[in-house]
Amino acid sequence: MKVTVKYFAVCHEELGREEEQMELPEEATLRDILDRLEEEWPEITEFYQVMQMSVNWEYATEGTQLSEGDEVALIPPVTGG
């Protein structure tokens, strides 16, 4: 199945993209996306305790199951003024 993953703040900066289409197996969860991203950017694990995640504009957790066409957002904390 395909989902759209949107990256904000430091995720966007470190991964060098605002969003991407990701092909995932059926029964995939947000954890599957995080595992894939850890291969490219291991430091993402530093943000897990404070990062918000959503699926289709609803807050979600690592165990949230995904469906074809879902929009996932990874939103780390933002600092500044």
PDB file of N, CA and C in Angstrom:
ATOM      1  N   MET A   1       0.842  -1.178   0.000  1.00  0.00           N
ATOM      2  CA  MET A   1       0.000   0.000   0.000  1.00  0.00           C
ATOM      3  C   MET A   1       0.886   1.239   0.000  1.00  0.00           C
ATOM      4  N   LYS A   2       0.342   2.336  -0.494  1.00  0.00           N
ATOM      5  CA  LYS A   2       1.076   3.599  -0.509  1.00  0.00           C
ATOM      6  C   LYS A   2       0.459   4.572   0.484  1.00  0.00           C
ATOM      7  N   VAL A   3       1.337   5.280   1.211  1.00  0.00           N
ATOM      8  CA  VAL A   3       0.920   6.361   2.097  1.00  0.00           C
ATOM      9  C   VAL A   3       1.792   7.572   1.803  1.00  0.00           C
ATOM     10  N   THR A   4       1.303   8.738   2.142  1.00  0.00           N
ATOM     11  CA  THR A   4       2.085   9.961   2.021  1.00  0.00           C
ATOM     12  C   THR A   4       2.611  10.310   3.393  1.00  0.00           C
ATOM     13  N   VAL A   5       3.928  10.546   3.483  1.00  0.00           N
ATOM     14  CA  VAL A   5       4.554  10.919   4.750  1.00  0.00           C
ATOM     15  C   VAL A   5       5.048  12.354   4.612  1.00  0.00           C
ATOM     16  N   LYS A   6       4.592  13.213   5.516  1.00  0.00           N
ATOM     17  CA  LYS A   6       4.988  14.626   5.520  1.00  0.00           C
ATOM     18  C   LYS A   6       5.930  14.874   6.689  1.00  0.00           C
ATOM     19  N   TYR A   7       6.983  15.649   6.416  1.00  0.00           N
ATOM     20  CA  TYR A   7       8.012  15.926   7.417  1.00  0.00           C
ATOM     21  C   TYR A   7       8.018  17.415   7.760  1.00  0.00           C
ATOM     22  N   PHE A   8       8.139  17.712   9.048  1.00  0.00           N
ATOM     23  CA  PHE A   8       8.152  19.090   9.509  1.00  0.00           C
ATOM     24  C   PHE A   8       9.395  19.352  10.351  1.00  0.00           C
ATOM     25  N   ALA A   9       9.760  20.631  10.435  1.00  0.00           N
ATOM     26  CA  ALA A   9      10.855  21.108  11.290  1.00  0.00           C
ATOM     27  C   ALA A   9      12.137  20.319  11.036  1.00  0.00           C
ATOM     28  N   VAL A  10      12.762  19.809  12.098  1.00  0.00           N
ATOM     29  CA  VAL A  10      14.060  19.148  11.964  1.00  0.00           C
ATOM     30  C   VAL A  10      13.967  17.900  11.084  1.00  0.00           C
ATOM     31  N   CYS A  11      12.849  17.215  11.067  1.00  0.00           N
ATOM     32  CA  CYS A  11      12.702  16.048  10.184  1.00  0.00           C
ATOM     33  C   CYS A  11      12.840  16.483   8.725  1.00  0.00           C
ATOM     34  N   HIS A  12      12.183  17.561   8.374  1.00  0.00           N
ATOM     35  CA  HIS A  12      12.270  18.103   7.021  1.00  0.00           C
ATOM     36  C   HIS A  12      13.709  18.507   6.703  1.00  0.00           C
ATOM     37  N   GLU A  13      14.342  19.189   7.639  1.00  0.00           N
ATOM     38  CA  GLU A  13      15.715  19.658   7.420  1.00  0.00           C
ATOM     39  C   GLU A  13      16.697  18.503   7.270  1.00  0.00           C
ATOM     40  N   GLU A  14      16.631  17.531   8.140  1.00  0.00           N
ATOM     41  CA  GLU A  14      17.593  16.430   8.130  1.00  0.00           C
ATOM     42  C   GLU A  14      17.370  15.443   6.985  1.00  0.00           C
ATOM     43  N   LEU A  15      16.126  15.204   6.626  1.00  0.00           N
ATOM     44  CA  LEU A  15      15.840  14.260   5.551  1.00  0.00           C
ATOM     45  C   LEU A  15      15.889  14.918   4.178  1.00  0.00           C
ATOM     46  N   GLY A  16      15.838  16.252   4.155  1.00  0.00           N
ATOM     47  CA  GLY A  16      15.968  16.976   2.896  1.00  0.00           C
ATOM     48  C   GLY A  16      14.746  16.899   1.991  1.00  0.00           C
ATOM     49  N   ARG A  17      13.594  16.658   2.573  1.00  0.00           N
ATOM     50  CA  ARG A  17      12.368  16.618   1.783  1.00  0.00           C
ATOM     51  C   ARG A  17      11.169  16.962   2.670  1.00  0.00           C
ATOM     52  N   GLU A  18      10.151  17.522   2.039  1.00  0.00           N
ATOM     53  CA  GLU A  18       8.934  17.889   2.763  1.00  0.00           C
ATOM     54  C   GLU A  18       7.974  16.725   2.896  1.00  0.00           C
ATOM     55  N   GLU A  19       7.953  15.861   1.886  1.00  0.00           N
ATOM     56  CA  GLU A  19       7.053  14.715   1.914  1.00  0.00           C
ATOM     57  C   GLU A  19       7.530  13.679   0.923  1.00  0.00           C
ATOM     58  N   GLU A  20       6.972  12.484   1.046  1.00  0.00           N
ATOM     59  CA  GLU A  20       7.268  11.423   0.096  1.00  0.00           C
ATOM     60  C   GLU A  20       6.148  10.394   0.108  1.00  0.00           C
ATOM     61  N   GLN A  21       6.040   9.678  -0.984  1.00  0.00           N
ATOM     62  CA  GLN A  21       5.151   8.527  -1.065  1.00  0.00           C
ATOM     63  C   GLN A  21       5.958   7.331  -0.583  1.00  0.00           C
ATOM     64  N   MET A  22       5.408   6.556   0.325  1.00  0.00           N
ATOM     65  CA  MET A  22       6.112   5.406   0.857  1.00  0.00           C
ATOM     66  C   MET A  22       5.272   4.157   0.601  1.00  0.00           C
ATOM     67  N   GLU A  23       5.908   3.157   0.039  1.00  0.00           N
ATOM     68  CA  GLU A  23       5.265   1.866  -0.205  1.00  0.00           C
ATOM     69  C   GLU A  23       5.499   0.997   1.025  1.00  0.00           C
ATOM     70  N   LEU A  24       4.418   0.510   1.606  1.00  0.00           N
ATOM     71  CA  LEU A  24       4.481  -0.289   2.832  1.00  0.00           C
ATOM     72  C   LEU A  24       3.686  -1.571   2.653  1.00  0.00           C
ATOM     73  N   PRO A  25       4.015  -2.602   3.443  1.00  0.00           N
ATOM     74  CA  PRO A  25       3.229  -3.835   3.372  1.00  0.00           C
ATOM     75  C   PRO A  25       1.848  -3.630   4.007  1.00  0.00           C
ATOM     76  N   GLU A  26       0.908  -4.465   3.614  1.00  0.00           N
ATOM     77  CA  GLU A  26      -0.404  -4.451   4.270  1.00  0.00           C
ATOM     78  C   GLU A  26      -0.180  -4.687   5.759  1.00  0.00           C
ATOM     79  N   GLU A  27      -1.060  -4.187   6.590  1.00  0.00           N
ATOM     80  CA  GLU A  27      -0.948  -4.316   8.051  1.00  0.00           C
ATOM     81  C   GLU A  27       0.170  -3.456   8.649  1.00  0.00           C
ATOM     82  N   ALA A  28       0.743  -2.550   7.880  1.00  0.00           N
ATOM     83  CA  ALA A  28       1.825  -1.692   8.383  1.00  0.00           C
ATOM     84  C   ALA A  28       1.291  -0.718   9.437  1.00  0.00           C
ATOM     85  N   THR A  29       2.192  -0.310  10.323  1.00  0.00           N
ATOM     86  CA  THR A  29       1.883   0.676  11.357  1.00  0.00           C
ATOM     87  C   THR A  29       2.856   1.842  11.232  1.00  0.00           C
ATOM     88  N   LEU A  30       2.630   2.865  12.042  1.00  0.00           N
ATOM     89  CA  LEU A  30       3.571   3.986  12.073  1.00  0.00           C
ATOM     90  C   LEU A  30       4.977   3.514  12.437  1.00  0.00           C
ATOM     91  N   ARG A  31       5.081   2.490  13.240  1.00  0.00           N
ATOM     92  CA  ARG A  31       6.391   1.948  13.618  1.00  0.00           C
ATOM     93  C   ARG A  31       7.175   1.510  12.389  1.00  0.00           C
ATOM     94  N   ASP A  32       6.506   0.967  11.376  1.00  0.00           N
ATOM     95  CA  ASP A  32       7.184   0.554  10.144  1.00  0.00           C
ATOM     96  C   ASP A  32       7.814   1.750   9.435  1.00  0.00           C
ATOM     97  N   ILE A  33       7.123   2.887   9.446  1.00  0.00           N
ATOM     98  CA  ILE A  33       7.685   4.098   8.851  1.00  0.00           C
ATOM     99  C   ILE A  33       8.909   4.543   9.644  1.00  0.00           C
ATOM    100  N   LEU A  34       8.795   4.559  10.968  1.00  0.00           N
ATOM    101  CA  LEU A  34       9.925   4.979  11.801  1.00  0.00           C
ATOM    102  C   LEU A  34      11.131   4.061  11.607  1.00  0.00           C
ATOM    103  N   ASP A  35      10.897   2.767  11.515  1.00  0.00           N
ATOM    104  CA  ASP A  35      11.999   1.826  11.278  1.00  0.00           C
ATOM    105  C   ASP A  35      12.711   2.132   9.966  1.00  0.00           C
ATOM    106  N   ARG A  36      11.951   2.419   8.944  1.00  0.00           N
ATOM    107  CA  ARG A  36      12.543   2.735   7.641  1.00  0.00           C
ATOM    108  C   ARG A  36      13.349   4.034   7.710  1.00  0.00           C
ATOM    109  N   LEU A  37      12.813   5.025   8.406  1.00  0.00           N
ATOM    110  CA  LEU A  37      13.524   6.302   8.516  1.00  0.00           C
ATOM    111  C   LEU A  37      14.795   6.171   9.343  1.00  0.00           C
ATOM    112  N   GLU A  38      14.798   5.304  10.348  1.00  0.00           N
ATOM    113  CA  GLU A  38      15.994   5.088  11.173  1.00  0.00           C
ATOM    114  C   GLU A  38      17.166   4.587  10.342  1.00  0.00           C
ATOM    115  N   GLU A  39      16.903   3.839   9.284  1.00  0.00           N
ATOM    116  CA  GLU A  39      17.971   3.358   8.412  1.00  0.00           C
ATOM    117  C   GLU A  39      18.681   4.522   7.728  1.00  0.00           C
ATOM    118  N   GLU A  40      17.929   5.553   7.367  1.00  0.00           N
ATOM    119  CA  GLU A  40      18.477   6.723   6.685  1.00  0.00           C
ATOM    120  C   GLU A  40      19.011   7.764   7.665  1.00  0.00           C
ATOM    121  N   TRP A  41      18.328   7.929   8.790  1.00  0.00           N
ATOM    122  CA  TRP A  41      18.668   8.971   9.758  1.00  0.00           C
ATOM    123  C   TRP A  41      18.505   8.415  11.166  1.00  0.00           C
ATOM    124  N   PRO A  42      19.514   7.697  11.684  1.00  0.00           N
ATOM    125  CA  PRO A  42      19.405   7.054  13.000  1.00  0.00           C
ATOM    126  C   PRO A  42      19.085   8.011  14.139  1.00  0.00           C
ATOM    127  N   GLU A  43      19.469   9.269  14.017  1.00  0.00           N
ATOM    128  CA  GLU A  43      19.245  10.242  15.085  1.00  0.00           C
ATOM    129  C   GLU A  43      17.779  10.583  15.304  1.00  0.00           C
ATOM    130  N   ILE A  44      16.913  10.145  14.405  1.00  0.00           N
ATOM    131  CA  ILE A  44      15.490  10.435  14.582  1.00  0.00           C
ATOM    132  C   ILE A  44      14.983   9.861  15.903  1.00  0.00           C
ATOM    133  N   THR A  45      15.623   8.813  16.398  1.00  0.00           N
ATOM    134  CA  THR A  45      15.186   8.204  17.653  1.00  0.00           C
ATOM    135  C   THR A  45      15.256   9.181  18.819  1.00  0.00           C
ATOM    136  N   GLU A  46      16.109  10.201  18.725  1.00  0.00           N
ATOM    137  CA  GLU A  46      16.224  11.211  19.782  1.00  0.00           C
ATOM    138  C   GLU A  46      14.934  12.008  19.959  1.00  0.00           C
ATOM    139  N   PHE A  47      14.077  12.013  18.944  1.00  0.00           N
ATOM    140  CA  PHE A  47      12.859  12.819  18.962  1.00  0.00           C
ATOM    141  C   PHE A  47      11.603  12.023  19.315  1.00  0.00           C
ATOM    142  N   TYR A  48      11.712  10.706  19.451  1.00  0.00           N
ATOM    143  CA  TYR A  48      10.531   9.882  19.659  1.00  0.00           C
ATOM    144  C   TYR A  48       9.725  10.269  20.893  1.00  0.00           C
ATOM    145  N   GLN A  49      10.378  10.641  21.964  1.00  0.00           N
ATOM    146  CA  GLN A  49       9.653  10.963  23.199  1.00  0.00           C
ATOM    147  C   GLN A  49       8.884  12.278  23.110  1.00  0.00           C
ATOM    148  N   VAL A  50       9.275  13.147  22.188  1.00  0.00           N
ATOM    149  CA  VAL A  50       8.645  14.471  22.110  1.00  0.00           C
ATOM    150  C   VAL A  50       7.960  14.743  20.768  1.00  0.00           C
ATOM    151  N   MET A  51       8.112  13.851  19.819  1.00  0.00           N
ATOM    152  CA  MET A  51       7.553  14.060  18.491  1.00  0.00           C
ATOM    153  C   MET A  51       6.071  13.670  18.465  1.00  0.00           C
ATOM    154  N   GLN A  52       5.279  14.491  17.820  1.00  0.00           N
ATOM    155  CA  GLN A  52       3.869  14.179  17.581  1.00  0.00           C
ATOM    156  C   GLN A  52       3.755  13.502  16.220  1.00  0.00           C
ATOM    157  N   MET A  53       2.833  12.576  16.117  1.00  0.00           N
ATOM    158  CA  MET A  53       2.570  11.905  14.847  1.00  0.00           C
ATOM    159  C   MET A  53       1.072  11.941  14.599  1.00  0.00           C
ATOM    160  N   SER A  54       0.713  12.043  13.338  1.00  0.00           N
ATOM    161  CA  SER A  54      -0.714  12.014  13.017  1.00  0.00           C
ATOM    162  C   SER A  54      -0.944  11.171  11.772  1.00  0.00           C
ATOM    163  N   VAL A  55      -2.150  10.646  11.693  1.00  0.00           N
ATOM    164  CA  VAL A  55      -2.621   9.939  10.505  1.00  0.00           C
ATOM    165  C   VAL A  55      -3.939  10.585  10.131  1.00  0.00           C
ATOM    166  N   ASN A  56      -3.963  11.153   8.936  1.00  0.00           N
ATOM    167  CA  ASN A  56      -5.174  11.832   8.444  1.00  0.00           C
ATOM    168  C   ASN A  56      -5.671  12.882   9.438  1.00  0.00           C
ATOM    169  N   TRP A  57      -4.758  13.671   9.952  1.00  0.00           N
ATOM    170  CA  TRP A  57      -5.030  14.813  10.828  1.00  0.00           C
ATOM    171  C   TRP A  57      -5.489  14.428  12.227  1.00  0.00           C
ATOM    172  N   GLU A  58      -5.347  13.161  12.587  1.00  0.00           N
ATOM    173  CA  GLU A  58      -5.689  12.692  13.931  1.00  0.00           C
ATOM    174  C   GLU A  58      -4.407  12.241  14.621  1.00  0.00           C
ATOM    175  N   TYR A  59      -4.205  12.655  15.877  1.00  0.00           N
ATOM    176  CA  TYR A  59      -3.012  12.207  16.588  1.00  0.00           C
ATOM    177  C   TYR A  59      -2.968  10.690  16.610  1.00  0.00           C
ATOM    178  N   ALA A  60      -1.737  10.160  16.510  1.00  0.00           N
ATOM    179  CA  ALA A  60      -1.554   8.716  16.425  1.00  0.00           C
ATOM    180  C   ALA A  60      -0.322   8.294  17.216  1.00  0.00           C
ATOM    181  N   THR A  61      -0.204   6.984  17.433  1.00  0.00           N
ATOM    182  CA  THR A  61       0.952   6.423  18.128  1.00  0.00           C
ATOM    183  C   THR A  61       1.676   5.462  17.183  1.00  0.00           C
ATOM    184  N   GLU A  62       2.820   4.982  17.639  1.00  0.00           N
ATOM    185  CA  GLU A  62       3.620   4.066  16.822  1.00  0.00           C
ATOM    186  C   GLU A  62       2.834   2.832  16.401  1.00  0.00           C
ATOM    187  N   GLY A  63       1.886   2.415  17.196  1.00  0.00           N
ATOM    188  CA  GLY A  63       1.118   1.211  16.897  1.00  0.00           C
ATOM    189  C   GLY A  63      -0.085   1.431  16.001  1.00  0.00           C
ATOM    190  N   THR A  64      -0.343   2.666  15.589  1.00  0.00           N
ATOM    191  CA  THR A  64      -1.496   2.957  14.742  1.00  0.00           C
ATOM    192  C   THR A  64      -1.355   2.252  13.400  1.00  0.00           C
ATOM    193  N   GLN A  65      -2.369   1.485  13.043  1.00  0.00           N
ATOM    194  CA  GLN A  65      -2.351   0.763  11.773  1.00  0.00           C
ATOM    195  C   GLN A  65      -2.690   1.723  10.641  1.00  0.00           C
ATOM    196  N   LEU A  66      -2.022   1.524   9.517  1.00  0.00           N
ATOM    197  CA  LEU A  66      -2.188   2.393   8.360  1.00  0.00           C
ATOM    198  C   LEU A  66      -3.033   1.715   7.290  1.00  0.00           C
ATOM    199  N   SER A  67      -3.610   2.549   6.418  1.00  0.00           N
ATOM    200  CA  SER A  67      -4.409   2.068   5.290  1.00  0.00           C
ATOM    201  C   SER A  67      -3.946   2.770   4.023  1.00  0.00           C
ATOM    202  N   GLU A  68      -4.269   2.175   2.913  1.00  0.00           N
ATOM    203  CA  GLU A  68      -3.947   2.741   1.608  1.00  0.00           C
ATOM    204  C   GLU A  68      -4.395   4.200   1.539  1.00  0.00           C
ATOM    205  N   GLY A  69      -3.484   5.075   1.081  1.00  0.00           N
ATOM    206  CA  GLY A  69      -3.815   6.476   0.876  1.00  0.00           C
ATOM    207  C   GLY A  69      -3.740   7.357   2.103  1.00  0.00           C
ATOM    208  N   ASP A  70      -3.374   6.819   3.257  1.00  0.00           N
ATOM    209  CA  ASP A  70      -3.282   7.635   4.466  1.00  0.00           C
ATOM    210  C   ASP A  70      -2.233   8.725   4.315  1.00  0.00           C
ATOM    211  N   GLU A  71      -2.448   9.818   5.040  1.00  0.00           N
ATOM    212  CA  GLU A  71      -1.473  10.904   5.126  1.00  0.00           C
ATOM    213  C   GLU A  71      -0.915  10.905   6.546  1.00  0.00           C
ATOM    214  N   VAL A  72       0.375  10.683   6.647  1.00  0.00           N
ATOM    215  CA  VAL A  72       1.072  10.618   7.926  1.00  0.00           C
ATOM    216  C   VAL A  72       1.906  11.884   8.076  1.00  0.00           C
ATOM    217  N   ALA A  73       1.913  12.468   9.256  1.00  0.00           N
ATOM    218  CA  ALA A  73       2.758  13.636   9.528  1.00  0.00           C
ATOM    219  C   ALA A  73       3.637  13.347  10.737  1.00  0.00           C
ATOM    220  N   LEU A  74       4.913  13.682  10.613  1.00  0.00           N
ATOM    221  CA  LEU A  74       5.866  13.576  11.713  1.00  0.00           C
ATOM    222  C   LEU A  74       6.232  14.998  12.125  1.00  0.00           C
ATOM    223  N   ILE A  75       5.892  15.353  13.370  1.00  0.00           N
ATOM    224  CA  ILE A  75       6.003  16.740  13.835  1.00  0.00           C
ATOM    225  C   ILE A  75       6.836  16.795  15.097  1.00  0.00           C
ATOM    226  N   PRO A  76       8.145  17.041  14.955  1.00  0.00           N
ATOM    227  CA  PRO A  76       8.978  17.194  16.141  1.00  0.00           C
ATOM    228  C   PRO A  76       8.700  18.546  16.787  1.00  0.00           C
ATOM    229  N   PRO A  77       9.179  18.732  18.016  1.00  0.00           N
ATOM    230  CA  PRO A  77       8.968  20.027  18.661  1.00  0.00           C
ATOM    231  C   PRO A  77       9.683  21.131  17.895  1.00  0.00           C
ATOM    232  N   VAL A  78       9.094  22.308  17.926  1.00  0.00           N
ATOM    233  CA  VAL A  78       9.658  23.464  17.235  1.00  0.00           C
ATOM    234  C   VAL A  78      10.053  24.477  18.277  1.00  0.00           C
ATOM    235  N   THR A  79      11.260  25.019  18.155  1.00  0.00           N
ATOM    236  CA  THR A  79      11.716  26.053  19.088  1.00  0.00           C
ATOM    237  C   THR A  79      11.927  27.351  18.313  1.00  0.00           C
ATOM    238  N   GLY A  80      12.061  28.405  19.047  1.00  0.00           N
ATOM    239  CA  GLY A  80      12.304  29.698  18.409  1.00  0.00           C
ATOM    240  C   GLY A  80      11.307  30.714  18.891  1.00  0.00           C
ATOM    241  N   GLY A  81      11.427  31.893  18.342  1.00  0.00           N
ATOM    242  CA  GLY A  81      10.516  32.916  18.796  1.00  0.00           C
ATOM    243  C   GLY A  81      10.115  33.855  17.747  1.00  0.00           C
TER     244      GLY A  81
END
